[in-house]
Amino acid sequence: MPPGPAASDSLAAVTEQHAHQFERGTDGPKVIVVGVDGSDSSLRAAAYAGGLARRQHALLAVVYVQPVIASGAALGAPVAETTDEIAEDLVAQIRRATEQNKGIFDVRWEFHTFRGDPYSGLTKAADELKADAVVVGASEQAGHRIVGSVAVRLVKAGRWPVTVVP
């Protein structure tokens, strides 16, 4: 027996409500965020994320989080200039790699910088960019085995699929 008028009206209301709701990851990732800091593991993560973005036809959002080091600034060290130079160098590396692979591996990408600690910066980036996935390199610092790395903290947040590249 077909649904009555009341049932079809409520079904239409539910369907309309779901049509206006944003849902992450339903048809594969649309935005993949990768954290880079110039380390070997972060560059491997960027290469891996680039491959994912190419295969999924997703936007690759490359994120560099500029550290805010109050003690260095207090001692007169040019911290902001140094981190700006790192960001410029990373963009130059990405552009060179993009040009070398043009026509072979075309990937849509954007470069974003945020200030703060890496975890907070990547979290903010993933939220603002509506990331469907986050890719980071494994920490190369020994102290992170005790305190916990950015990757572990992102996984524990449980807000996005996180891939950690060795």
Protein backbone atom coordinates (compact mmCIF):
# COMPACT_ATOMS: atom_id res chain seq x y z
CA MET A 1 0.00 0.00 0.00
CA PRO A 2 1.51 3.42 -0.94
CA PRO A 3 2.19 5.90 1.86
CA GLY A 4 -0.59 8.34 2.64
CA PRO A 5 -0.31 12.11 2.19
CA ALA A 6 1.00 12.66 5.73
CA ALA A 7 3.77 10.07 5.29
CA SER A 8 4.90 11.48 1.94
CA ASP A 9 4.92 15.05 3.35
CA SER A 10 7.13 14.02 6.27
CA LEU A 11 9.42 12.05 3.91
CA ALA A 12 9.78 15.15 1.70
CA ALA A 13 10.63 17.28 4.77
CA VAL A 14 13.32 14.82 5.89
CA THR A 15 14.75 14.61 2.35
CA GLU A 16 14.81 18.41 2.07
CA GLN A 17 16.49 18.72 5.47
CA HIS A 18 19.27 16.27 4.47
CA ALA A 19 19.78 18.02 1.12
CA HIS A 20 20.91 21.19 2.93
CA GLN A 21 23.20 19.46 5.42
CA PHE A 22 26.96 19.36 4.83
CA GLU A 23 28.35 15.85 5.09
CA ARG A 24 32.07 15.09 4.95
CA GLY A 25 33.57 12.23 3.01
CA THR A 26 30.39 10.89 1.43
CA ASP A 27 31.72 10.64 -2.12
CA GLY A 28 35.39 10.44 -1.30
CA PRO A 29 37.51 13.30 -0.06
CA LYS A 30 37.05 16.73 -1.63
CA VAL A 31 39.73 18.46 0.49
CA ILE A 32 42.88 16.77 1.80
CA VAL A 33 44.95 18.77 4.28
CA VAL A 34 48.65 17.96 4.59
CA GLY A 35 50.93 19.50 7.18
CA VAL A 36 54.43 20.46 5.99
CA ASP A 37 57.34 21.93 7.90
CA GLY A 38 60.25 21.16 5.60
CA SER A 39 61.24 17.93 7.36
CA ASP A 40 61.79 14.80 5.28
CA SER A 41 58.75 13.05 6.77
CA SER A 42 56.49 16.05 6.06
CA LEU A 43 57.68 16.19 2.45
CA ARG A 44 56.96 12.45 2.10
CA ALA A 45 53.51 13.13 3.58
CA ALA A 46 52.99 15.89 0.99
CA ALA A 47 53.94 13.52 -1.83
CA TYR A 48 51.59 10.84 -0.49
CA ALA A 49 48.75 13.36 -0.03
CA GLY A 50 49.39 14.67 -3.55
CA GLY A 51 48.89 11.17 -4.92
CA LEU A 52 45.66 10.79 -2.95
CA ALA A 53 44.41 14.17 -4.15
CA ARG A 54 45.22 13.31 -7.78
CA ARG A 55 43.45 9.95 -7.66
CA GLN A 56 40.42 11.34 -5.81
CA HIS A 57 40.26 14.60 -7.84
CA ALA A 58 40.43 16.41 -4.49
CA LEU A 59 41.92 19.75 -3.54
CA LEU A 60 45.29 19.40 -1.80
CA ALA A 61 45.58 22.01 0.95
CA VAL A 62 49.23 22.27 1.95
CA VAL A 63 49.48 23.80 5.43
CA TYR A 64 52.56 25.25 7.11
CA VAL A 65 52.10 26.24 10.74
CA GLN A 66 54.49 29.03 11.67
CA PRO A 67 55.64 28.51 15.24
CA VAL A 68 55.22 31.37 17.66
CA ILE A 69 58.33 31.34 19.78
CA ALA A 70 58.02 34.00 22.46
CA SER A 71 61.40 33.26 24.05
CA GLY A 72 63.23 33.67 20.74
CA ALA A 73 61.48 36.95 20.06
CA ALA A 74 62.29 38.17 23.58
CA LEU A 75 65.98 37.54 22.93
CA GLY A 76 65.82 39.55 19.73
CA ALA A 77 65.92 36.59 17.33
CA PRO A 78 64.15 37.30 14.00
CA VAL A 79 61.67 34.43 14.43
CA ALA A 80 58.91 35.81 12.16
CA GLU A 81 61.35 36.50 9.33
CA THR A 82 62.78 32.99 9.59
CA THR A 83 59.39 31.27 9.54
CA ASP A 84 58.28 33.48 6.62
CA GLU A 85 61.40 32.36 4.73
CA ILE A 86 60.55 28.71 5.46
CA ALA A 87 57.01 29.24 4.13
CA GLU A 88 58.35 30.92 0.96
CA ASP A 89 60.84 28.08 0.45
CA LEU A 90 58.10 25.46 0.86
CA VAL A 91 55.89 27.24 -1.71
CA ALA A 92 58.84 27.40 -4.11
CA GLN A 93 59.50 23.65 -3.67
CA ILE A 94 55.84 22.84 -4.30
CA ARG A 95 55.72 25.05 -7.41
CA ARG A 96 58.88 23.40 -8.80
CA ALA A 97 57.44 19.92 -8.22
CA THR A 98 54.14 20.98 -9.79
CA GLU A 99 55.88 22.36 -12.89
CA GLN A 100 58.04 19.23 -13.26
CA ASN A 101 54.96 17.01 -13.22
CA LYS A 102 52.64 19.27 -15.23
CA GLY A 103 50.66 17.24 -17.74
CA ILE A 104 51.62 13.99 -16.03
CA PHE A 105 50.24 14.42 -12.52
CA ASP A 106 47.96 17.42 -12.30
CA VAL A 107 46.80 18.23 -8.80
CA ARG A 108 44.78 21.23 -7.63
CA TRP A 109 46.55 22.67 -4.62
CA GLU A 110 46.58 25.66 -2.30
CA PHE A 111 49.16 26.76 0.24
CA HIS A 112 48.05 28.07 3.63
CA THR A 113 49.99 29.35 6.61
CA PHE A 114 48.74 29.51 10.16
CA ARG A 115 50.52 30.69 13.32
CA GLY A 116 50.74 28.73 16.54
CA ASP A 117 51.65 25.24 17.61
CA PRO A 118 51.41 22.54 14.91
CA TYR A 119 48.43 20.71 16.45
CA SER A 120 46.29 23.83 16.89
CA GLY A 121 47.27 25.16 13.47
CA LEU A 122 46.42 21.93 11.66
CA THR A 123 43.17 21.60 13.58
CA LYS A 124 42.17 25.16 12.68
CA ALA A 125 43.17 24.59 9.05
CA ALA A 126 41.20 21.34 8.78
CA ASP A 127 38.13 22.97 10.32
CA GLU A 128 38.26 26.14 8.20
CA LEU A 129 38.95 24.25 4.97
CA LYS A 130 36.31 21.59 5.76
CA ALA A 131 38.89 18.85 5.34
CA ASP A 132 37.78 15.32 4.60
CA ALA A 133 41.20 13.89 5.50
CA VAL A 134 44.43 15.01 7.17
CA VAL A 135 47.88 13.68 6.25
CA VAL A 136 50.98 14.30 8.37
CA GLY A 137 54.50 12.96 8.56
CA ALA A 138 55.61 10.88 11.53
CA SER A 139 57.43 12.90 14.15
CA GLU A 140 61.19 12.81 13.92
CA GLN A 141 61.66 14.07 17.49
CA ALA A 142 62.52 11.59 20.23
CA GLY A 143 60.57 13.50 22.91
CA HIS A 144 57.30 12.92 21.11
CA ARG A 145 57.40 9.25 22.07
CA ILE A 146 56.78 10.35 25.65
CA VAL A 147 54.63 13.48 25.27
CA GLY A 148 52.75 12.49 22.11
CA SER A 149 53.20 13.73 18.59
CA VAL A 150 50.98 15.98 16.53
CA ALA A 151 49.84 12.90 14.60
CA VAL A 152 48.75 11.08 17.76
CA ARG A 153 46.87 14.16 18.98
CA LEU A 154 45.08 14.50 15.63
CA VAL A 155 44.08 10.84 15.67
CA LYS A 156 42.82 11.14 19.26
CA ALA A 157 40.74 14.19 18.28
CA GLY A 158 38.73 11.78 16.09
CA ARG A 159 37.40 14.52 13.79
CA TRP A 160 38.93 13.41 10.48
CA PRO A 161 40.58 10.36 9.01
CA VAL A 162 44.29 10.88 9.70
CA THR A 163 47.08 9.25 7.74
CA VAL A 164 50.57 9.24 9.25
CA VAL A 165 53.35 8.80 6.70
CA PRO A 166 56.68 7.44 8.02
